[in-house]
Amino acid sequence: MTASARLKSLRIILALVTKDLFDLKNKNVVTVLICVFFLVGFYRLMPRLDDAGLTAIAVYDAGNSTLVAALQTDPTLEVHAYPSQEQLEVALAESNTPQLGLVIPADFDQIAASGEAQVQGHVAHWVSRSAAARLQQTAETRLSERTGAPVRIRMGDPIPAQPDSQGISFLASAGMVVAIIMIAKALTGVCYCLLGAGVSFLIYFTLITQWWLALLTTCCAALFAVSFGLLLGTLVETRQQLALWVSVLGFPMFIPLLLKWVSGLLSVRMVNVINWTPLPLAFDLYRVSFSNQGAWGLWVPRLAALLLWTMPLLALVTWRVRRMDRG
């Protein structure tokens, strides 16, 4: 193929991609994007559906003071006590909704009896400043009422999520993976996958601490999704056939991701197998991007494995296209 022919082909491809991207008359595309928005939004709002309107407080009391028992009698508070500061921080990192963590010093009762007392406060890294300020103000009021003396909360560093955190980071990772996998259509599919990811980023931006990894994961997951979509496109000729192939090949791909929800009920060997399939790989990479840990061992093997899943799909697509051209 000559240079002019290649340039002409490139122009045709770009024209088709541009038409698909900006053709809002394409009801299928608009429908999918709306579904992505509501799906990801549902994952974000789901933890709040069972919110009783109480102020959530997690407490580690180093000196077994009388304060925790007093707080637990307050009908406006939802108080959970933890036996160590480490467990308190894990609870904050895995929380679904904003809550305030309090570290009560061992000599709190003595200090409160002699005047103003102070406790350490923490929130998860994704909690906004305004929400943290409201929690702090409410807690200071309740603590002062219960002790009969002024109590001040000194806010410490936000608590980051861990790569294996549950809670909202678990839900967010699942929502972002599903948002990308739902859309696949060649080069246009890459753009729509990135658009779906952009919607997810907009909703979950407070969770992400390592943007470079979140963006890299999105690109690799989009490449896998588009490769899978291209393969389906080479196998079908009608919409009925497409529905059949999606049922045969598409839905089972989500099963490992669903099993992540009940991984505690599965054997260690089965969990290890599940974790190295495409969707759980992207899922775990997103969870790492929500944490403050960027060690190579946490993301390089998973990213490489996701690309290794993609390469055979692209090879199959190339083989199928060549066969179709010869036929």
C-alpha atoms as a PDB file:
ATOM      1  CA  MET A   1       0.000   0.000   0.000  1.00  0.00           C
ATOM      2  CA  THR A   2       1.387   3.387  -0.992  1.00  0.00           C
ATOM      3  CA  ALA A   3       1.765   6.331   1.378  1.00  0.00           C
ATOM      4  CA  SER A   4      -1.140   8.171  -0.262  1.00  0.00           C
ATOM      5  CA  ALA A   5      -3.362   5.098   0.066  1.00  0.00           C
ATOM      6  CA  ARG A   6      -2.471   4.747   3.747  1.00  0.00           C
ATOM      7  CA  LEU A   7      -3.227   8.420   4.312  1.00  0.00           C
ATOM      8  CA  LYS A   8      -6.569   8.045   2.545  1.00  0.00           C
ATOM      9  CA  SER A   9      -7.445   4.998   4.701  1.00  0.00           C
ATOM     10  CA  LEU A  10      -6.489   6.880   7.849  1.00  0.00           C
ATOM     11  CA  ARG A  11      -8.716   9.790   6.856  1.00  0.00           C
ATOM     12  CA  ILE A  12     -11.633   7.430   6.249  1.00  0.00           C
ATOM     13  CA  ILE A  13     -11.126   5.778   9.649  1.00  0.00           C
ATOM     14  CA  LEU A  14     -10.933   9.109  11.445  1.00  0.00           C
ATOM     15  CA  ALA A  15     -14.040  10.339   9.628  1.00  0.00           C
ATOM     16  CA  LEU A  16     -15.987   7.248  10.720  1.00  0.00           C
ATOM     17  CA  VAL A  17     -14.764   7.545  14.304  1.00  0.00           C
ATOM     18  CA  THR A  18     -15.678  11.245  14.424  1.00  0.00           C
ATOM     19  CA  LYS A  19     -19.117  10.522  12.991  1.00  0.00           C
ATOM     20  CA  ASP A  20     -19.778   7.821  15.593  1.00  0.00           C
ATOM     21  CA  LEU A  21     -18.501   9.973  18.431  1.00  0.00           C
ATOM     22  CA  PHE A  22     -20.634  12.991  17.671  1.00  0.00           C
ATOM     23  CA  ASP A  23     -23.684  11.307  16.220  1.00  0.00           C
ATOM     24  CA  LEU A  24     -26.081  11.773  19.112  1.00  0.00           C
ATOM     25  CA  LYS A  25     -28.823  10.257  16.959  1.00  0.00           C
ATOM     26  CA  ASN A  26     -27.245   6.893  17.697  1.00  0.00           C
ATOM     27  CA  LYS A  27     -29.726   5.819  20.345  1.00  0.00           C
ATOM     28  CA  ASN A  28     -27.708   2.762  21.355  1.00  0.00           C
ATOM     29  CA  VAL A  29     -24.672   4.841  22.286  1.00  0.00           C
ATOM     30  CA  VAL A  30     -26.708   7.435  24.179  1.00  0.00           C
ATOM     31  CA  THR A  31     -28.572   4.683  26.022  1.00  0.00           C
ATOM     32  CA  VAL A  32     -25.361   2.946  27.052  1.00  0.00           C
ATOM     33  CA  LEU A  33     -23.787   6.180  28.295  1.00  0.00           C
ATOM     34  CA  ILE A  34     -26.893   6.996  30.343  1.00  0.00           C
ATOM     35  CA  CYS A  35     -26.827   3.489  31.795  1.00  0.00           C
ATOM     36  CA  VAL A  36     -23.154   3.904  32.699  1.00  0.00           C
ATOM     37  CA  PHE A  37     -23.902   7.175  34.488  1.00  0.00           C
ATOM     38  CA  PHE A  38     -26.715   5.698  36.556  1.00  0.00           C
ATOM     39  CA  LEU A  39     -24.836   2.453  37.189  1.00  0.00           C
ATOM     40  CA  VAL A  40     -21.732   4.164  38.520  1.00  0.00           C
ATOM     41  CA  GLY A  41     -23.884   6.647  40.414  1.00  0.00           C
ATOM     42  CA  PHE A  42     -25.771   3.763  42.015  1.00  0.00           C
ATOM     43  CA  TYR A  43     -22.521   2.202  43.230  1.00  0.00           C
ATOM     44  CA  ARG A  44     -21.654   5.590  44.745  1.00  0.00           C
ATOM     45  CA  LEU A  45     -25.007   6.103  46.440  1.00  0.00           C
ATOM     46  CA  MET A  46     -25.752   2.502  47.446  1.00  0.00           C
ATOM     47  CA  PRO A  47     -23.977   2.729  50.837  1.00  0.00           C
ATOM     48  CA  ARG A  48     -26.194   5.684  51.761  1.00  0.00           C
ATOM     49  CA  LEU A  49     -29.439   3.792  51.174  1.00  0.00           C
ATOM     50  CA  ASP A  50     -29.309   2.253  54.650  1.00  0.00           C
ATOM     51  CA  ASP A  51     -28.076   5.458  56.290  1.00  0.00           C
ATOM     52  CA  ALA A  52     -30.263   6.157  59.333  1.00  0.00           C
ATOM     53  CA  GLY A  53     -29.136   9.778  59.562  1.00  0.00           C
ATOM     54  CA  LEU A  54     -26.903   9.156  62.592  1.00  0.00           C
ATOM     55  CA  THR A  55     -23.416  10.594  63.016  1.00  0.00           C
ATOM     56  CA  ALA A  56     -20.989   7.677  62.714  1.00  0.00           C
ATOM     57  CA  ILE A  57     -18.093   7.646  65.174  1.00  0.00           C
ATOM     58  CA  ALA A  58     -15.383   5.006  65.467  1.00  0.00           C
ATOM     59  CA  VAL A  59     -13.499   5.041  68.783  1.00  0.00           C
ATOM     60  CA  TYR A  60     -10.279   3.627  70.195  1.00  0.00           C
ATOM     61  CA  ASP A  61     -10.148   4.260  73.932  1.00  0.00           C
ATOM     62  CA  ALA A  62      -6.614   3.685  75.228  1.00  0.00           C
ATOM     63  CA  GLY A  63      -7.593   4.021  78.888  1.00  0.00           C
ATOM     64  CA  ASN A  64     -11.078   2.499  79.086  1.00  0.00           C
ATOM     65  CA  SER A  65     -12.603   5.846  80.009  1.00  0.00           C
ATOM     66  CA  THR A  66     -16.266   6.377  80.819  1.00  0.00           C
ATOM     67  CA  LEU A  67     -16.679   8.412  77.632  1.00  0.00           C
ATOM     68  CA  VAL A  68     -17.392   5.560  75.213  1.00  0.00           C
ATOM     69  CA  ALA A  69     -20.260   4.176  77.296  1.00  0.00           C
ATOM     70  CA  ALA A  70     -21.683   7.694  77.581  1.00  0.00           C
ATOM     71  CA  LEU A  71     -21.490   8.264  73.828  1.00  0.00           C
ATOM     72  CA  GLN A  72     -23.216   4.949  73.109  1.00  0.00           C
ATOM     73  CA  THR A  73     -26.289   6.186  74.974  1.00  0.00           C
ATOM     74  CA  ASP A  74     -26.608   9.193  72.645  1.00  0.00           C
ATOM     75  CA  PRO A  75     -29.504   8.491  70.198  1.00  0.00           C
ATOM     76  CA  THR A  76     -27.991  10.779  67.541  1.00  0.00           C
ATOM     77  CA  LEU A  77     -24.718   8.845  67.322  1.00  0.00           C
ATOM     78  CA  GLU A  78     -23.705   5.499  65.890  1.00  0.00           C
ATOM     79  CA  VAL A  79     -20.645   4.525  67.924  1.00  0.00           C
ATOM     80  CA  HIS A  80     -18.302   1.611  67.241  1.00  0.00           C
ATOM     81  CA  ALA A  81     -15.426   0.855  69.614  1.00  0.00           C
ATOM     82  CA  TYR A  82     -12.209  -0.872  68.487  1.00  0.00           C
ATOM     83  CA  PRO A  83      -9.549  -2.544  70.648  1.00  0.00           C
ATOM     84  CA  SER A  84      -6.571  -0.882  68.900  1.00  0.00           C
ATOM     85  CA  GLN A  85      -5.754   2.192  66.852  1.00  0.00           C
ATOM     86  CA  GLU A  86      -4.721  -0.036  63.951  1.00  0.00           C
ATOM     87  CA  GLN A  87      -8.159  -1.638  63.812  1.00  0.00           C
ATOM     88  CA  LEU A  88      -9.743   1.796  64.053  1.00  0.00           C
ATOM     89  CA  GLU A  89      -7.766   2.974  61.014  1.00  0.00           C
ATOM     90  CA  VAL A  90      -8.729  -0.153  59.068  1.00  0.00           C
ATOM     91  CA  ALA A  91     -12.383   0.527  59.841  1.00  0.00           C
ATOM     92  CA  LEU A  92     -12.064   4.105  58.578  1.00  0.00           C
ATOM     93  CA  ALA A  93     -10.268   2.974  55.406  1.00  0.00           C
ATOM     94  CA  GLU A  94     -13.024   0.443  54.678  1.00  0.00           C
ATOM     95  CA  SER A  95     -15.978   2.660  55.524  1.00  0.00           C
ATOM     96  CA  ASN A  96     -18.789   3.206  53.035  1.00  0.00           C
ATOM     97  CA  THR A  97     -19.952   6.545  54.389  1.00  0.00           C
ATOM     98  CA  PRO A  98     -18.145   9.423  56.139  1.00  0.00           C
ATOM     99  CA  GLN A  99     -17.370   8.709  59.763  1.00  0.00           C
ATOM    100  CA  LEU A 100     -15.086  10.214  62.368  1.00  0.00           C
ATOM    101  CA  GLY A 101     -12.421   8.190  64.119  1.00  0.00           C
ATOM    102  CA  LEU A 102     -11.464   9.227  67.651  1.00  0.00           C
ATOM    103  CA  VAL A 103      -8.376   8.177  69.602  1.00  0.00           C
ATOM    104  CA  ILE A 104      -9.041   8.809  73.286  1.00  0.00           C
ATOM    105  CA  PRO A 105      -5.888   9.091  75.436  1.00  0.00           C
ATOM    106  CA  ALA A 106      -5.347   6.851  78.446  1.00  0.00           C
ATOM    107  CA  ASP A 107      -5.698   9.721  80.941  1.00  0.00           C
ATOM    108  CA  PHE A 108      -8.784  11.294  79.386  1.00  0.00           C
ATOM    109  CA  ASP A 109     -10.967  11.116  82.529  1.00  0.00           C
ATOM    110  CA  GLN A 110      -8.350  12.854  84.670  1.00  0.00           C
ATOM    111  CA  ILE A 111      -7.728  15.580  82.082  1.00  0.00           C
ATOM    112  CA  ALA A 112     -11.455  16.193  81.524  1.00  0.00           C
ATOM    113  CA  ALA A 113     -11.999  16.511  85.280  1.00  0.00           C
ATOM    114  CA  SER A 114      -9.386  19.270  85.539  1.00  0.00           C
ATOM    115  CA  GLY A 115     -10.395  21.317  82.491  1.00  0.00           C
ATOM    116  CA  GLU A 116     -10.407  21.212  78.699  1.00  0.00           C
ATOM    117  CA  ALA A 117      -9.533  17.840  77.165  1.00  0.00           C
ATOM    118  CA  GLN A 118      -8.266  16.989  73.703  1.00  0.00           C
ATOM    119  CA  VAL A 119      -8.614  13.867  71.558  1.00  0.00           C
ATOM    120  CA  GLN A 120      -7.182  12.879  68.187  1.00  0.00           C
ATOM    121  CA  GLY A 121      -9.523  12.737  65.198  1.00  0.00           C
ATOM    122  CA  HIS A 122      -9.210  11.065  61.790  1.00  0.00           C
ATOM    123  CA  VAL A 123     -11.327  10.591  58.670  1.00  0.00           C
ATOM    124  CA  ALA A 124     -10.830   8.544  55.502  1.00  0.00           C
ATOM    125  CA  HIS A 125      -8.888  10.319  52.768  1.00  0.00           C
ATOM    126  CA  TRP A 126     -11.918  10.600  50.470  1.00  0.00           C
ATOM    127  CA  VAL A 127     -14.071  12.497  52.997  1.00  0.00           C
ATOM    128  CA  SER A 128     -14.384  16.144  51.958  1.00  0.00           C
ATOM    129  CA  ARG A 129     -13.155  18.945  54.198  1.00  0.00           C
ATOM    130  CA  SER A 130     -16.671  20.241  54.714  1.00  0.00           C
ATOM    131  CA  ALA A 131     -17.962  16.814  55.747  1.00  0.00           C
ATOM    132  CA  ALA A 132     -14.985  16.324  58.077  1.00  0.00           C
ATOM    133  CA  ALA A 133     -15.624  19.733  59.645  1.00  0.00           C
ATOM    134  CA  ARG A 134     -19.284  18.847  60.256  1.00  0.00           C
ATOM    135  CA  LEU A 135     -18.316  15.564  61.881  1.00  0.00           C
ATOM    136  CA  GLN A 136     -15.748  17.315  64.031  1.00  0.00           C
ATOM    137  CA  GLN A 137     -18.186  19.998  65.172  1.00  0.00           C
ATOM    138  CA  THR A 138     -20.929  17.485  66.001  1.00  0.00           C
ATOM    139  CA  ALA A 139     -18.538  15.229  67.891  1.00  0.00           C
ATOM    140  CA  GLU A 140     -17.042  18.106  69.883  1.00  0.00           C
ATOM    141  CA  THR A 141     -20.529  19.172  70.951  1.00  0.00           C
ATOM    142  CA  ARG A 142     -21.547  15.671  71.990  1.00  0.00           C
ATOM    143  CA  LEU A 143     -18.259  14.979  73.777  1.00  0.00           C
ATOM    144  CA  SER A 144     -18.481  18.234  75.722  1.00  0.00           C
ATOM    145  CA  GLU A 145     -22.083  17.507  76.712  1.00  0.00           C
ATOM    146  CA  ARG A 146     -21.231  14.021  77.946  1.00  0.00           C
ATOM    147  CA  THR A 147     -18.126  14.993  79.911  1.00  0.00           C
ATOM    148  CA  GLY A 148     -19.372  18.310  81.285  1.00  0.00           C
ATOM    149  CA  ALA A 149     -16.132  19.979  80.173  1.00  0.00           C
ATOM    150  CA  PRO A 150     -14.889  21.426  76.868  1.00  0.00           C
ATOM    151  CA  VAL A 151     -13.481  18.760  74.547  1.00  0.00           C
ATOM    152  CA  ARG A 152     -11.507  19.651  71.421  1.00  0.00           C
ATOM    153  CA  ILE A 153     -10.745  17.303  68.548  1.00  0.00           C
ATOM    154  CA  ARG A 154      -7.344  17.752  66.912  1.00  0.00           C
ATOM    155  CA  MET A 155      -7.652  16.382  63.371  1.00  0.00           C
ATOM    156  CA  GLY A 156      -4.763  14.200  62.239  1.00  0.00           C
ATOM    157  CA  ASP A 157      -3.758  12.940  58.820  1.00  0.00           C
ATOM    158  CA  PRO A 158      -6.485  11.377  56.660  1.00  0.00           C
ATOM    159  CA  ILE A 159      -6.484   7.583  56.614  1.00  0.00           C
ATOM    160  CA  PRO A 160      -5.765   6.194  53.110  1.00  0.00           C
ATOM    161  CA  ALA A 161      -7.371   3.087  51.677  1.00  0.00           C
ATOM    162  CA  GLN A 162      -5.336  -0.088  51.319  1.00  0.00           C
ATOM    163  CA  PRO A 163      -5.014  -2.147  48.108  1.00  0.00           C
ATOM    164  CA  ASP A 164      -7.267  -4.812  49.629  1.00  0.00           C
ATOM    165  CA  SER A 165      -9.730  -2.419  51.271  1.00  0.00           C
ATOM    166  CA  GLN A 166     -13.413  -3.235  51.158  1.00  0.00           C
ATOM    167  CA  GLY A 167     -16.115  -0.613  51.599  1.00  0.00           C
ATOM    168  CA  ILE A 168     -16.522   2.227  49.139  1.00  0.00           C
ATOM    169  CA  SER A 169     -13.252   1.514  47.306  1.00  0.00           C
ATOM    170  CA  PHE A 170     -14.529  -2.020  46.617  1.00  0.00           C
ATOM    171  CA  LEU A 171     -17.794  -0.668  45.186  1.00  0.00           C
ATOM    172  CA  ALA A 172     -16.026   2.044  43.202  1.00  0.00           C
ATOM    173  CA  SER A 173     -13.631  -0.439  41.594  1.00  0.00           C
ATOM    174  CA  ALA A 174     -16.506  -2.692  40.549  1.00  0.00           C
ATOM    175  CA  GLY A 175     -18.447   0.255  39.122  1.00  0.00           C
ATOM    176  CA  MET A 176     -15.488   1.523  37.086  1.00  0.00           C
ATOM    177  CA  VAL A 177     -14.718  -1.912  35.614  1.00  0.00           C
ATOM    178  CA  VAL A 178     -18.337  -2.468  34.585  1.00  0.00           C
ATOM    179  CA  ALA A 179     -18.544   1.046  33.096  1.00  0.00           C
ATOM    180  CA  ILE A 180     -15.607   0.307  30.788  1.00  0.00           C
ATOM    181  CA  ILE A 181     -16.528  -3.247  29.791  1.00  0.00           C
ATOM    182  CA  MET A 182     -20.094  -2.268  28.836  1.00  0.00           C
ATOM    183  CA  ILE A 183     -18.891  -0.284  25.773  1.00  0.00           C
ATOM    184  CA  ALA A 184     -16.772  -1.740  22.896  1.00  0.00           C
ATOM    185  CA  LYS A 185     -16.686  -0.712  19.242  1.00  0.00           C
ATOM    186  CA  ALA A 186     -13.242  -0.492  17.587  1.00  0.00           C
ATOM    187  CA  LEU A 187     -11.545   2.918  17.793  1.00  0.00           C
ATOM    188  CA  THR A 188     -14.821   4.580  18.665  1.00  0.00           C
ATOM    189  CA  GLY A 189     -15.150   2.066  21.479  1.00  0.00           C
ATOM    190  CA  VAL A 190     -11.863   3.230  22.972  1.00  0.00           C
ATOM    191  CA  CYS A 191     -13.197   6.774  23.098  1.00  0.00           C
ATOM    192  CA  TYR A 192     -16.494   5.666  24.626  1.00  0.00           C
ATOM    193  CA  CYS A 193     -14.687   3.460  27.153  1.00  0.00           C
ATOM    194  CA  LEU A 194     -12.611   6.458  28.164  1.00  0.00           C
ATOM    195  CA  LEU A 195     -15.783   8.555  28.313  1.00  0.00           C
ATOM    196  CA  GLY A 196     -17.400   5.971  30.578  1.00  0.00           C
ATOM    197  CA  ALA A 197     -14.283   6.021  32.737  1.00  0.00           C
ATOM    198  CA  GLY A 198     -14.446   9.813  32.772  1.00  0.00           C
ATOM    199  CA  VAL A 199     -17.947   9.617  34.244  1.00  0.00           C
ATOM    200  CA  SER A 200     -16.585   7.262  36.897  1.00  0.00           C
ATOM    201  CA  PHE A 201     -13.669   9.579  37.637  1.00  0.00           C
ATOM    202  CA  LEU A 202     -16.096  12.481  38.025  1.00  0.00           C
ATOM    203  CA  ILE A 203     -18.121  10.581  40.610  1.00  0.00           C
ATOM    204  CA  TYR A 204     -15.213   8.934  42.444  1.00  0.00           C
ATOM    205  CA  PHE A 205     -12.476  11.571  42.113  1.00  0.00           C
ATOM    206  CA  THR A 206     -12.179  11.963  45.901  1.00  0.00           C
ATOM    207  CA  LEU A 207     -11.201   8.300  46.206  1.00  0.00           C
ATOM    208  CA  ILE A 208      -8.317   8.317  43.731  1.00  0.00           C
ATOM    209  CA  THR A 209      -4.869   8.993  45.183  1.00  0.00           C
ATOM    210  CA  GLN A 210      -2.723   7.630  42.336  1.00  0.00           C
ATOM    211  CA  TRP A 211      -4.149   9.112  39.150  1.00  0.00           C
ATOM    212  CA  TRP A 212      -1.383   7.771  36.937  1.00  0.00           C
ATOM    213  CA  LEU A 213      -2.318   4.194  37.853  1.00  0.00           C
ATOM    214  CA  ALA A 214      -6.055   4.838  37.496  1.00  0.00           C
ATOM    215  CA  LEU A 215      -5.531   6.266  34.006  1.00  0.00           C
ATOM    216  CA  LEU A 216      -3.129   3.480  33.004  1.00  0.00           C
ATOM    217  CA  THR A 217      -5.584   0.857  34.223  1.00  0.00           C
ATOM    218  CA  THR A 218      -8.386   2.541  32.283  1.00  0.00           C
ATOM    219  CA  CYS A 219      -6.404   2.483  29.032  1.00  0.00           C
ATOM    220  CA  CYS A 220      -5.498  -1.201  29.422  1.00  0.00           C
ATOM    221  CA  ALA A 221      -9.039  -2.194  30.427  1.00  0.00           C
ATOM    222  CA  ALA A 222     -10.442  -0.233  27.466  1.00  0.00           C
ATOM    223  CA  LEU A 223      -8.028  -2.018  25.134  1.00  0.00           C
ATOM    224  CA  PHE A 224      -9.207  -5.385  26.476  1.00  0.00           C
ATOM    225  CA  ALA A 225     -12.876  -4.393  26.157  1.00  0.00           C
ATOM    226  CA  VAL A 226     -12.460  -3.169  22.587  1.00  0.00           C
ATOM    227  CA  SER A 227     -10.474  -6.284  21.625  1.00  0.00           C
ATOM    228  CA  PHE A 228     -13.284  -8.428  22.980  1.00  0.00           C
ATOM    229  CA  GLY A 229     -15.850  -6.339  21.116  1.00  0.00           C
ATOM    230  CA  LEU A 230     -13.910  -6.616  17.868  1.00  0.00           C
ATOM    231  CA  LEU A 231     -13.726 -10.384  18.258  1.00  0.00           C
ATOM    232  CA  LEU A 232     -17.494 -10.558  18.716  1.00  0.00           C
ATOM    233  CA  GLY A 233     -17.899  -8.355  15.650  1.00  0.00           C
ATOM    234  CA  THR A 234     -15.974 -10.848  13.515  1.00  0.00           C
ATOM    235  CA  LEU A 235     -18.164 -13.718  14.721  1.00  0.00           C
ATOM    236  CA  VAL A 236     -21.606 -12.294  14.023  1.00  0.00           C
ATOM    237  CA  GLU A 237     -23.585 -11.096  11.059  1.00  0.00           C
ATOM    238  CA  THR A 238     -26.916 -10.183  12.663  1.00  0.00           C
ATOM    239  CA  ARG A 239     -28.136  -8.674  15.938  1.00  0.00           C
ATOM    240  CA  GLN A 240     -29.608 -12.029  16.936  1.00  0.00           C
ATOM    241  CA  GLN A 241     -26.220 -13.672  16.588  1.00  0.00           C
ATOM    242  CA  LEU A 242     -24.621 -10.861  18.560  1.00  0.00           C
ATOM    243  CA  ALA A 243     -27.039 -11.420  21.445  1.00  0.00           C
ATOM    244  CA  LEU A 244     -26.205 -15.132  21.385  1.00  0.00           C
ATOM    245  CA  TRP A 245     -22.441 -14.583  21.427  1.00  0.00           C
ATOM    246  CA  VAL A 246     -22.705 -11.990  24.177  1.00  0.00           C
ATOM    247  CA  SER A 247     -24.598 -14.551  26.261  1.00  0.00           C
ATOM    248  CA  VAL A 248     -22.066 -17.281  25.529  1.00  0.00           C
ATOM    249  CA  LEU A 249     -18.866 -15.259  25.909  1.00  0.00           C
ATOM    250  CA  GLY A 250     -19.772 -11.959  27.540  1.00  0.00           C
ATOM    251  CA  PHE A 251     -21.797 -12.772  30.647  1.00  0.00           C
ATOM    252  CA  PRO A 252     -19.441 -15.493  31.958  1.00  0.00           C
ATOM    253  CA  MET A 253     -16.662 -12.879  31.920  1.00  0.00           C
ATOM    254  CA  PHE A 254     -18.454 -11.075  34.765  1.00  0.00           C
ATOM    255  CA  ILE A 255     -18.723 -14.181  36.958  1.00  0.00           C
ATOM    256  CA  PRO A 256     -15.202 -13.852  38.470  1.00  0.00           C
ATOM    257  CA  LEU A 257     -15.938 -10.225  39.320  1.00  0.00           C
ATOM    258  CA  LEU A 258     -19.156 -11.239  41.062  1.00  0.00           C
ATOM    259  CA  LEU A 259     -17.278 -13.938  42.975  1.00  0.00           C
ATOM    260  CA  LYS A 260     -14.989 -11.244  44.402  1.00  0.00           C
ATOM    261  CA  TRP A 261     -17.957 -10.227  46.571  1.00  0.00           C
ATOM    262  CA  VAL A 262     -17.991 -13.639  48.262  1.00  0.00           C
ATOM    263  CA  SER A 263     -14.275 -14.436  48.135  1.00  0.00           C
ATOM    264  CA  GLY A 264     -14.307 -15.167  51.863  1.00  0.00           C
ATOM    265  CA  LEU A 265     -16.485 -18.226  51.167  1.00  0.00           C
ATOM    266  CA  LEU A 266     -14.165 -19.643  48.491  1.00  0.00           C
ATOM    267  CA  SER A 267     -10.997 -21.702  48.745  1.00  0.00           C
ATOM    268  CA  VAL A 268      -7.649 -19.937  48.555  1.00  0.00           C
ATOM    269  CA  ARG A 269      -6.819 -21.734  45.293  1.00  0.00           C
ATOM    270  CA  MET A 270     -10.072 -20.635  43.665  1.00  0.00           C
ATOM    271  CA  VAL A 271      -9.559 -17.030  44.810  1.00  0.00           C
ATOM    272  CA  ASN A 272      -6.065 -17.038  43.322  1.00  0.00           C
ATOM    273  CA  VAL A 273      -7.450 -18.230  39.987  1.00  0.00           C
ATOM    274  CA  ILE A 274     -10.226 -15.643  40.011  1.00  0.00           C
ATOM    275  CA  ASN A 275      -7.842 -12.812  40.823  1.00  0.00           C
ATOM    276  CA  TRP A 276      -5.886 -13.383  37.594  1.00  0.00           C
ATOM    277  CA  THR A 277      -8.820 -13.176  35.204  1.00  0.00           C
ATOM    278  CA  PRO A 278      -9.375  -9.908  33.251  1.00  0.00           C
ATOM    279  CA  LEU A 279     -12.075  -8.088  35.201  1.00  0.00           C
ATOM    280  CA  PRO A 280     -10.725  -8.868  38.689  1.00  0.00           C
ATOM    281  CA  LEU A 281      -7.292  -7.745  37.467  1.00  0.00           C
ATOM    282  CA  ALA A 282      -8.668  -4.333  36.503  1.00  0.00           C
ATOM    283  CA  PHE A 283     -10.725  -4.298  39.704  1.00  0.00           C
ATOM    284  CA  ASP A 284      -7.641  -4.849  41.901  1.00  0.00           C
ATOM    285  CA  LEU A 285      -5.619  -2.282  39.944  1.00  0.00           C
ATOM    286  CA  TYR A 286      -8.270   0.337  40.639  1.00  0.00           C
ATOM    287  CA  ARG A 287      -8.220  -0.536  44.329  1.00  0.00           C
ATOM    288  CA  VAL A 288      -4.457  -0.002  44.356  1.00  0.00           C
ATOM    289  CA  SER A 289      -4.986   3.390  42.689  1.00  0.00           C
ATOM    290  CA  PHE A 290      -7.302   4.310  45.581  1.00  0.00           C
ATOM    291  CA  SER A 291      -4.556   3.545  48.107  1.00  0.00           C
ATOM    292  CA  ASN A 292      -1.295   5.321  48.893  1.00  0.00           C
ATOM    293  CA  GLN A 293       0.825   2.270  48.054  1.00  0.00           C
ATOM    294  CA  GLY A 294       2.560   2.146  44.679  1.00  0.00           C
ATOM    295  CA  ALA A 295       5.050  -0.711  45.049  1.00  0.00           C
ATOM    296  CA  TRP A 296       5.764  -2.400  41.725  1.00  0.00           C
ATOM    297  CA  GLY A 297       4.644  -5.774  43.009  1.00  0.00           C
ATOM    298  CA  LEU A 298       1.128  -4.445  43.554  1.00  0.00           C
ATOM    299  CA  TRP A 299       0.468  -3.300  39.989  1.00  0.00           C
ATOM    300  CA  VAL A 300       3.125  -4.427  37.468  1.00  0.00           C
ATOM    301  CA  PRO A 301       2.202  -8.175  37.483  1.00  0.00           C
ATOM    302  CA  ARG A 302      -1.514  -7.381  37.279  1.00  0.00           C
ATOM    303  CA  LEU A 303      -1.083  -4.863  34.489  1.00  0.00           C
ATOM    304  CA  ALA A 304       1.099  -7.295  32.544  1.00  0.00           C
ATOM    305  CA  ALA A 305      -1.463 -10.072  33.031  1.00  0.00           C
ATOM    306  CA  LEU A 306      -4.274  -7.834  31.745  1.00  0.00           C
ATOM    307  CA  LEU A 307      -2.249  -7.069  28.626  1.00  0.00           C
ATOM    308  CA  LEU A 308      -1.491 -10.781  28.192  1.00  0.00           C
ATOM    309  CA  TRP A 309      -5.235 -11.469  28.177  1.00  0.00           C
ATOM    310  CA  THR A 310      -5.642  -8.796  25.497  1.00  0.00           C
ATOM    311  CA  MET A 311      -2.939  -9.986  23.082  1.00  0.00           C
ATOM    312  CA  PRO A 312      -4.624 -13.324  22.165  1.00  0.00           C
ATOM    313  CA  LEU A 313      -7.883 -11.487  21.513  1.00  0.00           C
ATOM    314  CA  LEU A 314      -6.149  -9.109  19.117  1.00  0.00           C
ATOM    315  CA  ALA A 315      -4.423 -12.055  17.455  1.00  0.00           C
ATOM    316  CA  LEU A 316      -7.774 -13.814  16.987  1.00  0.00           C
ATOM    317  CA  VAL A 317      -9.305 -10.642  15.565  1.00  0.00           C
ATOM    318  CA  THR A 318      -6.429 -10.298  13.082  1.00  0.00           C
ATOM    319  CA  TRP A 319      -6.759 -13.942  12.044  1.00  0.00           C
ATOM    320  CA  ARG A 320     -10.530 -13.655  11.620  1.00  0.00           C
ATOM    321  CA  VAL A 321     -10.276 -10.468   9.551  1.00  0.00           C
ATOM    322  CA  ARG A 322      -7.695 -12.023   7.239  1.00  0.00           C
ATOM    323  CA  ARG A 323      -9.875 -15.094   6.738  1.00  0.00           C
ATOM    324  CA  MET A 324     -12.852 -12.880   5.958  1.00  0.00           C
ATOM    325  CA  ASP A 325     -10.792 -10.899   3.438  1.00  0.00           C
ATOM    326  CA  ARG A 326      -9.661 -14.084   1.719  1.00  0.00           C
ATOM    327  CA  GLY A 327     -13.211 -15.387   1.654  1.00  0.00           C
END
